[in-house]
Amino acid sequence: MPDEYEFSEFKFNHTRLADADLMRIADLEVIIFAFPLYVDGIPSHLLHCLYQMETYLDTHKVKEISVYAIVNCGFYEGHQASIALDLVKNWCSKANLEWVQGIGIGGGGFLSSLEGNSEDQGPVKNLWDALKKMAVNISEQHEIENIYTVPNFPKVVYTIGGNMGWRKQIKENGLRRKDLHIRK
């Protein structure tokens, strides 16, 4: 984002926002929600905060607020986040806010292992391209289609990597692969 923008960060990791945070949010021009996909939807603690924001903004909002969302999902395909993005869009309608755009990030489970990768190439190129488009759109402020990304490598490689992670966790916990099938 250009340097002239001022940013505030709010953590929605509790079921209630502080009154001071609500006052600051009511004065924003743009809100960008970033959250993990949770059972094809929005995490419950964020839902509580959205309801609280909706109620507060109904009486305290002084200007139009544009809303964007970035949903990180562990599935390879970013379109798995489409329901969660629709939920945010519907919330915007109910809260009288302007929905603008969302990004569904596919392959989110591997992102933390890719530190130091270039944004112009490699497995995160599609994600960086989507984030750059959103940044431009924030400046231009017009509603455009959601973007759904996939990692820049084959799905089979993602699946193999995920399975390697499970096997490593099994070993670290003193179990064997066949122990996963034990029923009690």
N, C-alpha and C. Protein backbone atom coordinates (compact mmCIF):
# COMPACT_ATOMS: atom_id res chain seq x y z
N MET A 1 0.85 -1.19 0.00
CA MET A 1 0.00 0.00 0.00
C MET A 1 0.89 1.24 0.00
N PRO A 2 0.43 2.31 -0.63
CA PRO A 2 1.21 3.55 -0.62
C PRO A 2 1.42 4.07 0.80
N ASP A 3 2.49 4.83 0.97
CA ASP A 3 2.87 5.34 2.30
C ASP A 3 1.87 6.32 2.88
N GLU A 4 1.05 6.96 2.05
CA GLU A 4 0.12 7.96 2.58
C GLU A 4 -1.03 7.37 3.38
N TYR A 5 -1.19 6.04 3.32
CA TYR A 5 -2.26 5.39 4.08
C TYR A 5 -1.83 5.20 5.53
N GLU A 6 -2.78 5.40 6.42
CA GLU A 6 -2.54 5.15 7.84
C GLU A 6 -3.25 3.84 8.20
N PHE A 7 -2.57 2.98 8.93
CA PHE A 7 -3.11 1.66 9.25
C PHE A 7 -3.34 1.52 10.74
N SER A 8 -4.38 0.80 11.08
CA SER A 8 -4.65 0.37 12.46
C SER A 8 -4.89 -1.12 12.42
N GLU A 9 -4.39 -1.82 13.40
CA GLU A 9 -4.59 -3.26 13.46
C GLU A 9 -5.41 -3.60 14.69
N PHE A 10 -6.41 -4.44 14.48
CA PHE A 10 -7.28 -4.89 15.56
C PHE A 10 -7.24 -6.40 15.60
N LYS A 11 -7.14 -6.95 16.77
CA LYS A 11 -7.14 -8.41 16.92
C LYS A 11 -8.52 -8.84 17.37
N PHE A 12 -9.11 -9.71 16.59
CA PHE A 12 -10.46 -10.22 16.87
C PHE A 12 -10.36 -11.62 17.46
N ASN A 13 -9.44 -11.80 18.40
CA ASN A 13 -9.24 -13.13 18.97
C ASN A 13 -10.01 -13.33 20.28
N HIS A 14 -10.91 -12.42 20.58
CA HIS A 14 -11.82 -12.56 21.72
C HIS A 14 -13.24 -12.34 21.20
N THR A 15 -14.22 -12.62 22.01
CA THR A 15 -15.60 -12.49 21.55
C THR A 15 -16.15 -11.08 21.71
N ARG A 16 -15.36 -10.16 22.27
CA ARG A 16 -15.81 -8.77 22.43
C ARG A 16 -14.67 -7.82 22.10
N LEU A 17 -15.05 -6.72 21.49
CA LEU A 17 -14.10 -5.65 21.21
C LEU A 17 -14.21 -4.59 22.31
N ALA A 18 -13.11 -3.96 22.61
CA ALA A 18 -13.13 -2.87 23.58
C ALA A 18 -13.87 -1.68 22.98
N ASP A 19 -14.50 -0.89 23.82
CA ASP A 19 -15.23 0.30 23.35
C ASP A 19 -14.31 1.24 22.59
N ALA A 20 -13.07 1.38 23.03
CA ALA A 20 -12.12 2.25 22.34
C ALA A 20 -11.85 1.76 20.92
N ASP A 21 -11.78 0.43 20.74
CA ASP A 21 -11.58 -0.13 19.40
C ASP A 21 -12.80 0.12 18.52
N LEU A 22 -13.98 -0.03 19.07
CA LEU A 22 -15.20 0.25 18.30
C LEU A 22 -15.24 1.70 17.85
N MET A 23 -14.83 2.61 18.71
CA MET A 23 -14.81 4.04 18.33
C MET A 23 -13.83 4.27 17.19
N ARG A 24 -12.67 3.63 17.24
CA ARG A 24 -11.67 3.78 16.17
C ARG A 24 -12.17 3.16 14.87
N ILE A 25 -12.81 2.00 14.96
CA ILE A 25 -13.34 1.33 13.77
C ILE A 25 -14.41 2.17 13.09
N ALA A 26 -15.24 2.83 13.87
CA ALA A 26 -16.32 3.66 13.30
C ALA A 26 -15.77 4.83 12.50
N ASP A 27 -14.51 5.18 12.72
CA ASP A 27 -13.90 6.31 12.03
C ASP A 27 -13.08 5.89 10.81
N LEU A 28 -13.05 4.61 10.50
CA LEU A 28 -12.25 4.11 9.38
C LEU A 28 -12.95 4.33 8.05
N GLU A 29 -12.17 4.35 6.99
CA GLU A 29 -12.71 4.41 5.63
C GLU A 29 -12.72 3.02 4.99
N VAL A 30 -11.76 2.19 5.41
CA VAL A 30 -11.62 0.85 4.83
C VAL A 30 -11.35 -0.14 5.97
N ILE A 31 -12.01 -1.29 5.90
CA ILE A 31 -11.72 -2.39 6.82
C ILE A 31 -11.33 -3.59 5.98
N ILE A 32 -10.21 -4.21 6.35
CA ILE A 32 -9.78 -5.45 5.70
C ILE A 32 -9.76 -6.54 6.76
N PHE A 33 -10.65 -7.49 6.63
CA PHE A 33 -10.66 -8.63 7.54
C PHE A 33 -9.74 -9.70 6.97
N ALA A 34 -8.92 -10.30 7.81
CA ALA A 34 -8.08 -11.43 7.41
C ALA A 34 -8.27 -12.51 8.46
N PHE A 35 -8.72 -13.69 8.01
CA PHE A 35 -8.99 -14.75 8.97
C PHE A 35 -8.88 -16.11 8.30
N PRO A 36 -8.69 -17.16 9.11
CA PRO A 36 -8.65 -18.51 8.55
C PRO A 36 -10.06 -19.03 8.30
N LEU A 37 -10.19 -19.87 7.31
CA LEU A 37 -11.47 -20.53 7.05
C LEU A 37 -11.73 -21.52 8.18
N TYR A 38 -12.94 -21.51 8.69
CA TYR A 38 -13.30 -22.42 9.77
C TYR A 38 -14.60 -23.12 9.41
N VAL A 39 -14.52 -24.38 9.06
CA VAL A 39 -15.67 -25.19 8.64
C VAL A 39 -16.47 -24.43 7.58
N ASP A 40 -15.80 -23.99 6.54
CA ASP A 40 -16.37 -23.24 5.42
C ASP A 40 -16.96 -21.89 5.82
N GLY A 41 -16.66 -21.39 6.99
CA GLY A 41 -17.26 -20.14 7.44
C GLY A 41 -16.28 -19.26 8.19
N ILE A 42 -16.87 -18.41 9.01
CA ILE A 42 -16.13 -17.41 9.79
C ILE A 42 -15.91 -17.96 11.19
N PRO A 43 -14.72 -17.81 11.76
CA PRO A 43 -14.50 -18.27 13.14
C PRO A 43 -15.50 -17.62 14.10
N SER A 44 -15.95 -18.37 15.10
CA SER A 44 -17.03 -17.91 15.99
C SER A 44 -16.69 -16.65 16.75
N HIS A 45 -15.43 -16.50 17.19
CA HIS A 45 -15.08 -15.28 17.92
C HIS A 45 -15.19 -14.06 17.03
N LEU A 46 -14.87 -14.20 15.75
CA LEU A 46 -15.02 -13.10 14.81
C LEU A 46 -16.50 -12.79 14.58
N LEU A 47 -17.34 -13.82 14.52
CA LEU A 47 -18.78 -13.60 14.36
C LEU A 47 -19.34 -12.75 15.51
N HIS A 48 -18.91 -13.03 16.73
CA HIS A 48 -19.35 -12.23 17.88
C HIS A 48 -18.94 -10.76 17.69
N CYS A 49 -17.70 -10.56 17.25
CA CYS A 49 -17.21 -9.19 17.05
C CYS A 49 -17.96 -8.49 15.91
N LEU A 50 -18.29 -9.23 14.85
CA LEU A 50 -19.04 -8.64 13.75
C LEU A 50 -20.42 -8.16 14.22
N TYR A 51 -21.06 -8.97 15.01
CA TYR A 51 -22.37 -8.58 15.54
C TYR A 51 -22.23 -7.32 16.41
N GLN A 52 -21.20 -7.30 17.24
CA GLN A 52 -20.96 -6.13 18.09
C GLN A 52 -20.68 -4.89 17.23
N MET A 53 -19.86 -5.04 16.19
CA MET A 53 -19.57 -3.93 15.29
C MET A 53 -20.83 -3.44 14.59
N GLU A 54 -21.63 -4.39 14.12
CA GLU A 54 -22.87 -4.04 13.42
C GLU A 54 -23.76 -3.17 14.30
N THR A 55 -23.92 -3.57 15.53
CA THR A 55 -24.77 -2.83 16.47
C THR A 55 -24.18 -1.45 16.75
N TYR A 56 -22.88 -1.38 16.96
CA TYR A 56 -22.23 -0.10 17.28
C TYR A 56 -22.27 0.83 16.07
N LEU A 57 -21.91 0.31 14.89
CA LEU A 57 -21.83 1.15 13.70
C LEU A 57 -23.19 1.68 13.27
N ASP A 58 -24.24 0.97 13.63
CA ASP A 58 -25.60 1.40 13.29
C ASP A 58 -25.89 2.80 13.84
N THR A 59 -25.32 3.12 14.98
CA THR A 59 -25.60 4.43 15.60
C THR A 59 -24.40 5.36 15.63
N HIS A 60 -23.18 4.86 15.32
CA HIS A 60 -22.00 5.71 15.48
C HIS A 60 -21.20 5.95 14.20
N LYS A 61 -21.55 5.29 13.12
CA LYS A 61 -20.78 5.44 11.87
C LYS A 61 -21.06 6.82 11.28
N VAL A 62 -20.00 7.54 10.90
CA VAL A 62 -20.18 8.89 10.36
C VAL A 62 -19.92 8.98 8.86
N LYS A 63 -19.30 7.95 8.27
CA LYS A 63 -19.01 7.98 6.83
C LYS A 63 -19.08 6.56 6.28
N GLU A 64 -19.07 6.44 4.97
CA GLU A 64 -19.09 5.14 4.34
C GLU A 64 -17.81 4.37 4.67
N ILE A 65 -17.96 3.09 4.93
CA ILE A 65 -16.81 2.23 5.19
C ILE A 65 -16.82 1.12 4.15
N SER A 66 -15.70 0.95 3.45
CA SER A 66 -15.54 -0.11 2.46
C SER A 66 -14.92 -1.33 3.14
N VAL A 67 -15.40 -2.51 2.78
CA VAL A 67 -14.94 -3.73 3.44
C VAL A 67 -14.34 -4.71 2.43
N TYR A 68 -13.19 -5.26 2.81
CA TYR A 68 -12.49 -6.29 2.06
C TYR A 68 -12.27 -7.46 3.01
N ALA A 69 -12.06 -8.65 2.46
CA ALA A 69 -11.76 -9.81 3.32
C ALA A 69 -10.74 -10.71 2.62
N ILE A 70 -9.85 -11.25 3.43
CA ILE A 70 -8.86 -12.21 2.97
C ILE A 70 -9.04 -13.46 3.82
N VAL A 71 -9.38 -14.57 3.17
CA VAL A 71 -9.65 -15.82 3.89
C VAL A 71 -8.59 -16.84 3.51
N ASN A 72 -7.90 -17.33 4.50
CA ASN A 72 -6.83 -18.31 4.32
C ASN A 72 -7.39 -19.70 4.61
N CYS A 73 -7.38 -20.56 3.58
CA CYS A 73 -7.89 -21.92 3.83
C CYS A 73 -6.81 -22.96 3.58
N GLY A 74 -6.90 -24.04 4.29
CA GLY A 74 -5.93 -25.11 4.17
C GLY A 74 -6.13 -25.98 2.94
N PHE A 75 -7.28 -25.85 2.29
CA PHE A 75 -7.51 -26.59 1.06
C PHE A 75 -6.63 -26.02 -0.05
N TYR A 76 -6.32 -26.84 -1.02
CA TYR A 76 -5.50 -26.39 -2.14
C TYR A 76 -6.20 -25.30 -2.93
N GLU A 77 -7.51 -25.45 -3.10
CA GLU A 77 -8.29 -24.52 -3.91
C GLU A 77 -8.81 -23.36 -3.07
N GLY A 78 -8.50 -22.15 -3.47
CA GLY A 78 -8.96 -20.97 -2.76
C GLY A 78 -10.46 -20.75 -2.83
N HIS A 79 -11.13 -21.33 -3.83
CA HIS A 79 -12.58 -21.12 -3.94
C HIS A 79 -13.34 -21.77 -2.79
N GLN A 80 -12.66 -22.60 -1.99
CA GLN A 80 -13.29 -23.15 -0.78
C GLN A 80 -13.71 -22.03 0.17
N ALA A 81 -13.12 -20.86 0.03
CA ALA A 81 -13.42 -19.72 0.90
C ALA A 81 -14.63 -18.92 0.41
N SER A 82 -15.26 -19.33 -0.67
CA SER A 82 -16.34 -18.53 -1.26
C SER A 82 -17.52 -18.36 -0.30
N ILE A 83 -17.86 -19.37 0.47
CA ILE A 83 -18.98 -19.24 1.41
C ILE A 83 -18.64 -18.23 2.49
N ALA A 84 -17.43 -18.29 3.02
CA ALA A 84 -17.03 -17.33 4.06
C ALA A 84 -17.04 -15.90 3.51
N LEU A 85 -16.58 -15.72 2.27
CA LEU A 85 -16.62 -14.38 1.68
C LEU A 85 -18.05 -13.91 1.46
N ASP A 86 -18.94 -14.83 1.08
CA ASP A 86 -20.36 -14.48 0.95
C ASP A 86 -20.95 -14.08 2.30
N LEU A 87 -20.53 -14.75 3.36
CA LEU A 87 -21.01 -14.39 4.70
C LEU A 87 -20.59 -12.97 5.07
N VAL A 88 -19.34 -12.61 4.77
CA VAL A 88 -18.88 -11.25 5.05
C VAL A 88 -19.65 -10.25 4.21
N LYS A 89 -19.87 -10.59 2.93
CA LYS A 89 -20.64 -9.70 2.05
C LYS A 89 -22.06 -9.50 2.58
N ASN A 90 -22.70 -10.57 3.02
CA ASN A 90 -24.05 -10.45 3.58
C ASN A 90 -24.05 -9.64 4.86
N TRP A 91 -23.03 -9.83 5.69
CA TRP A 91 -22.91 -9.04 6.92
C TRP A 91 -22.80 -7.56 6.57
N CYS A 92 -22.02 -7.24 5.54
CA CYS A 92 -21.88 -5.84 5.11
C CYS A 92 -23.23 -5.24 4.76
N SER A 93 -24.04 -6.00 4.06
CA SER A 93 -25.37 -5.52 3.70
C SER A 93 -26.20 -5.23 4.94
N LYS A 94 -26.16 -6.14 5.90
CA LYS A 94 -26.93 -5.97 7.14
C LYS A 94 -26.37 -4.82 7.98
N ALA A 95 -25.05 -4.65 7.97
CA ALA A 95 -24.42 -3.61 8.78
C ALA A 95 -24.37 -2.26 8.06
N ASN A 96 -24.90 -2.22 6.84
CA ASN A 96 -24.92 -1.00 6.04
C ASN A 96 -23.51 -0.50 5.72
N LEU A 97 -22.66 -1.46 5.34
CA LEU A 97 -21.30 -1.16 4.92
C LEU A 97 -21.15 -1.56 3.46
N GLU A 98 -20.13 -1.06 2.80
CA GLU A 98 -19.95 -1.34 1.37
C GLU A 98 -18.97 -2.50 1.17
N TRP A 99 -19.51 -3.63 0.73
CA TRP A 99 -18.65 -4.76 0.38
C TRP A 99 -17.95 -4.43 -0.92
N VAL A 100 -16.63 -4.72 -0.98
CA VAL A 100 -15.88 -4.42 -2.19
C VAL A 100 -15.27 -5.67 -2.82
N GLN A 101 -14.50 -6.43 -2.03
CA GLN A 101 -13.77 -7.54 -2.64
C GLN A 101 -13.24 -8.49 -1.58
N GLY A 102 -13.05 -9.74 -2.00
CA GLY A 102 -12.42 -10.72 -1.13
C GLY A 102 -11.40 -11.55 -1.88
N ILE A 103 -10.50 -12.15 -1.12
CA ILE A 103 -9.52 -13.08 -1.67
C ILE A 103 -9.64 -14.38 -0.89
N GLY A 104 -9.76 -15.49 -1.60
CA GLY A 104 -9.72 -16.82 -1.01
C GLY A 104 -8.35 -17.41 -1.31
N ILE A 105 -7.57 -17.62 -0.27
CA ILE A 105 -6.20 -18.11 -0.44
C ILE A 105 -6.19 -19.63 -0.33
N GLY A 106 -5.86 -20.30 -1.40
CA GLY A 106 -5.73 -21.74 -1.38
C GLY A 106 -4.34 -22.16 -0.94
N GLY A 107 -4.26 -23.33 -0.34
CA GLY A 107 -2.97 -23.85 0.10
C GLY A 107 -2.39 -23.12 1.28
N GLY A 108 -3.24 -22.53 2.09
CA GLY A 108 -2.77 -21.73 3.22
C GLY A 108 -1.97 -22.49 4.24
N GLY A 109 -2.11 -23.80 4.26
CA GLY A 109 -1.38 -24.60 5.23
C GLY A 109 0.12 -24.57 5.05
N PHE A 110 0.59 -24.22 3.88
CA PHE A 110 2.03 -24.23 3.63
C PHE A 110 2.67 -22.83 3.70
N LEU A 111 1.86 -21.79 3.85
CA LEU A 111 2.40 -20.44 3.77
C LEU A 111 3.48 -20.14 4.80
N SER A 112 3.31 -20.63 6.02
CA SER A 112 4.30 -20.32 7.06
C SER A 112 5.65 -20.95 6.78
N SER A 113 5.70 -21.95 5.93
CA SER A 113 6.98 -22.59 5.62
C SER A 113 7.70 -21.94 4.44
N LEU A 114 7.17 -20.85 3.92
CA LEU A 114 7.73 -20.25 2.70
C LEU A 114 8.37 -18.89 2.93
N GLU A 115 8.84 -18.62 4.12
CA GLU A 115 9.46 -17.32 4.39
C GLU A 115 10.64 -17.11 3.45
N GLY A 116 10.79 -15.90 3.00
CA GLY A 116 11.92 -15.56 2.15
C GLY A 116 11.69 -15.81 0.67
N ASN A 117 10.54 -16.30 0.27
CA ASN A 117 10.26 -16.52 -1.15
C ASN A 117 9.95 -15.20 -1.84
N SER A 118 10.37 -15.09 -3.06
CA SER A 118 10.12 -13.89 -3.85
C SER A 118 8.64 -13.78 -4.20
N GLU A 119 8.13 -12.56 -4.20
CA GLU A 119 6.72 -12.37 -4.55
C GLU A 119 6.48 -12.45 -6.05
N ASP A 120 7.53 -12.37 -6.86
CA ASP A 120 7.36 -12.38 -8.31
C ASP A 120 7.47 -13.77 -8.93
N GLN A 121 7.85 -14.74 -8.13
CA GLN A 121 8.00 -16.09 -8.66
C GLN A 121 7.83 -17.10 -7.54
N GLY A 122 7.78 -18.35 -7.90
CA GLY A 122 7.69 -19.38 -6.89
C GLY A 122 6.27 -19.69 -6.46
N PRO A 123 6.14 -20.46 -5.39
CA PRO A 123 4.83 -20.99 -4.99
C PRO A 123 3.84 -19.95 -4.51
N VAL A 124 4.28 -18.76 -4.13
CA VAL A 124 3.34 -17.75 -3.62
C VAL A 124 3.06 -16.63 -4.63
N LYS A 125 3.49 -16.79 -5.86
CA LYS A 125 3.29 -15.74 -6.86
C LYS A 125 1.81 -15.39 -7.04
N ASN A 126 0.94 -16.39 -7.14
CA ASN A 126 -0.50 -16.12 -7.32
C ASN A 126 -1.06 -15.33 -6.15
N LEU A 127 -0.64 -15.66 -4.94
CA LEU A 127 -1.09 -14.94 -3.76
C LEU A 127 -0.64 -13.48 -3.82
N TRP A 128 0.63 -13.25 -4.12
CA TRP A 128 1.14 -11.87 -4.21
C TRP A 128 0.41 -11.08 -5.29
N ASP A 129 0.15 -11.72 -6.43
CA ASP A 129 -0.59 -11.04 -7.50
C ASP A 129 -1.98 -10.62 -7.01
N ALA A 130 -2.65 -11.50 -6.29
CA ALA A 130 -3.99 -11.18 -5.77
C ALA A 130 -3.92 -10.04 -4.76
N LEU A 131 -2.94 -10.06 -3.87
CA LEU A 131 -2.80 -9.00 -2.87
C LEU A 131 -2.49 -7.65 -3.53
N LYS A 132 -1.66 -7.67 -4.57
CA LYS A 132 -1.36 -6.44 -5.30
C LYS A 132 -2.61 -5.87 -5.97
N LYS A 133 -3.43 -6.75 -6.55
CA LYS A 133 -4.69 -6.30 -7.17
C LYS A 133 -5.61 -5.68 -6.13
N MET A 134 -5.67 -6.30 -4.96
CA MET A 134 -6.51 -5.75 -3.90
C MET A 134 -5.99 -4.39 -3.45
N ALA A 135 -4.67 -4.25 -3.33
CA ALA A 135 -4.09 -2.97 -2.92
C ALA A 135 -4.44 -1.87 -3.92
N VAL A 136 -4.36 -2.16 -5.21
CA VAL A 136 -4.75 -1.19 -6.23
C VAL A 136 -6.23 -0.86 -6.10
N ASN A 137 -7.04 -1.88 -5.88
CA ASN A 137 -8.48 -1.68 -5.78
C ASN A 137 -8.84 -0.83 -4.56
N ILE A 138 -8.11 -0.97 -3.49
CA ILE A 138 -8.37 -0.14 -2.30
C ILE A 138 -8.17 1.32 -2.65
N SER A 139 -7.16 1.60 -3.44
CA SER A 139 -6.92 2.98 -3.87
C SER A 139 -8.02 3.49 -4.80
N GLU A 140 -8.51 2.63 -5.68
CA GLU A 140 -9.51 3.03 -6.68
C GLU A 140 -10.94 2.90 -6.17
N GLN A 141 -11.17 2.06 -5.17
CA GLN A 141 -12.47 1.90 -4.50
C GLN A 141 -13.62 1.60 -5.45
N HIS A 142 -13.54 0.49 -6.15
CA HIS A 142 -14.71 0.03 -6.90
C HIS A 142 -14.86 -1.48 -6.71
N GLU A 143 -16.10 -1.93 -6.66
CA GLU A 143 -16.36 -3.34 -6.40
C GLU A 143 -15.92 -4.18 -7.59
N ILE A 144 -15.15 -5.22 -7.30
CA ILE A 144 -14.74 -6.16 -8.34
C ILE A 144 -14.93 -7.58 -7.82
N GLU A 145 -14.79 -8.52 -8.70
CA GLU A 145 -14.99 -9.92 -8.36
C GLU A 145 -13.96 -10.39 -7.33
N ASN A 146 -14.38 -11.36 -6.54
CA ASN A 146 -13.44 -11.99 -5.62
C ASN A 146 -12.36 -12.72 -6.40
N ILE A 147 -11.22 -12.87 -5.77
CA ILE A 147 -10.09 -13.58 -6.37
C ILE A 147 -9.84 -14.83 -5.55
N TYR A 148 -9.65 -15.95 -6.23
CA TYR A 148 -9.36 -17.22 -5.56
C TYR A 148 -8.02 -17.73 -6.08
N THR A 149 -7.11 -18.00 -5.16
CA THR A 149 -5.77 -18.41 -5.57
C THR A 149 -5.52 -19.89 -5.27
N VAL A 150 -4.56 -20.43 -5.97
CA VAL A 150 -4.00 -21.75 -5.67
C VAL A 150 -2.49 -21.57 -5.66
N PRO A 151 -1.78 -22.43 -4.94
CA PRO A 151 -0.31 -22.34 -4.95
C PRO A 151 0.24 -22.59 -6.35
N ASN A 152 1.41 -22.06 -6.61
CA ASN A 152 2.04 -22.25 -7.92
C ASN A 152 2.85 -23.55 -7.94
N PHE A 153 2.21 -24.64 -7.58
CA PHE A 153 2.78 -25.96 -7.77
C PHE A 153 1.62 -26.96 -7.79
N PRO A 154 1.84 -28.15 -8.31
CA PRO A 154 0.74 -29.09 -8.49
C PRO A 154 0.08 -29.52 -7.17
N LYS A 155 -1.20 -29.83 -7.26
CA LYS A 155 -1.96 -30.24 -6.08
C LYS A 155 -1.37 -31.50 -5.45
N VAL A 156 -0.86 -32.41 -6.27
CA VAL A 156 -0.29 -33.64 -5.73
C VAL A 156 0.91 -33.34 -4.83
N VAL A 157 1.69 -32.32 -5.16
CA VAL A 157 2.83 -31.94 -4.33
C VAL A 157 2.34 -31.38 -2.99
N TYR A 158 1.27 -30.59 -3.03
CA TYR A 158 0.67 -30.05 -1.80
C TYR A 158 0.16 -31.19 -0.92
N THR A 159 -0.48 -32.16 -1.52
CA THR A 159 -1.03 -33.30 -0.77
C THR A 159 0.10 -34.12 -0.15
N ILE A 160 1.15 -34.37 -0.91
CA ILE A 160 2.29 -35.13 -0.38
C ILE A 160 2.92 -34.37 0.79
N GLY A 161 3.08 -33.06 0.63
CA GLY A 161 3.65 -32.26 1.72
C GLY A 161 2.79 -32.30 2.97
N GLY A 162 1.48 -32.22 2.80
CA GLY A 162 0.57 -32.30 3.94
C GLY A 162 0.66 -33.65 4.63
N ASN A 163 0.75 -34.71 3.85
CA ASN A 163 0.87 -36.04 4.43
C ASN A 163 2.20 -36.22 5.16
N MET A 164 3.26 -35.61 4.64
CA MET A 164 4.55 -35.68 5.33
C MET A 164 4.45 -34.99 6.69
N GLY A 165 3.70 -33.91 6.75
CA GLY A 165 3.53 -33.19 8.02
C GLY A 165 2.82 -34.05 9.05
N TRP A 166 1.79 -34.77 8.62
CA TRP A 166 1.07 -35.67 9.54
C TRP A 166 2.01 -36.76 10.06
N ARG A 167 2.78 -37.33 9.15
CA ARG A 167 3.69 -38.41 9.55
C ARG A 167 4.72 -37.91 10.56
N LYS A 168 5.22 -36.72 10.34
CA LYS A 168 6.19 -36.14 11.27
C LYS A 168 5.55 -35.93 12.65
N GLN A 169 4.32 -35.40 12.68
CA GLN A 169 3.63 -35.18 13.95
C GLN A 169 3.35 -36.50 14.67
N ILE A 170 3.02 -37.53 13.91
CA ILE A 170 2.77 -38.84 14.51
C ILE A 170 4.02 -39.33 15.22
N LYS A 171 5.17 -39.26 14.53
CA LYS A 171 6.44 -39.70 15.11
C LYS A 171 6.79 -38.88 16.35
N GLU A 172 6.61 -37.55 16.25
CA GLU A 172 6.95 -36.68 17.38
C GLU A 172 6.12 -37.00 18.62
N ASN A 173 4.94 -37.57 18.43
CA ASN A 173 4.06 -37.91 19.55
C ASN A 173 4.14 -39.38 19.94
N GLY A 174 5.18 -40.07 19.46
CA GLY A 174 5.42 -41.45 19.87
C GLY A 174 4.42 -42.45 19.32
N LEU A 175 3.79 -42.16 18.21
CA LEU A 175 2.80 -43.05 17.61
C LEU A 175 3.30 -43.59 16.28
N ARG A 176 2.55 -44.55 15.74
CA ARG A 176 2.82 -45.08 14.41
C ARG A 176 1.65 -44.73 13.51
N ARG A 177 1.86 -44.79 12.22
CA ARG A 177 0.81 -44.43 11.27
C ARG A 177 -0.45 -45.28 11.47
N LYS A 178 -0.29 -46.55 11.73
CA LYS A 178 -1.46 -47.42 11.89
C LYS A 178 -2.25 -47.07 13.17
N ASP A 179 -1.62 -46.37 14.11
CA ASP A 179 -2.32 -45.94 15.32
C ASP A 179 -3.46 -44.96 15.03
N LEU A 180 -3.42 -44.32 13.88
CA LEU A 180 -4.49 -43.39 13.50
C LEU A 180 -5.82 -44.10 13.29
N HIS A 181 -5.78 -45.39 13.03
CA HIS A 181 -6.98 -46.15 12.71
C HIS A 181 -7.57 -46.89 13.91
N ILE A 182 -6.96 -46.72 15.08
CA ILE A 182 -7.46 -47.38 16.29
C ILE A 182 -8.76 -46.75 16.71
N ARG A 183 -9.77 -47.59 16.96
CA ARG A 183 -11.07 -47.09 17.44
C ARG A 183 -11.24 -47.51 18.89
N LYS A 184 -11.75 -46.59 19.67
CA LYS A 184 -11.97 -46.90 21.09
C LYS A 184 -13.43 -46.96 21.39
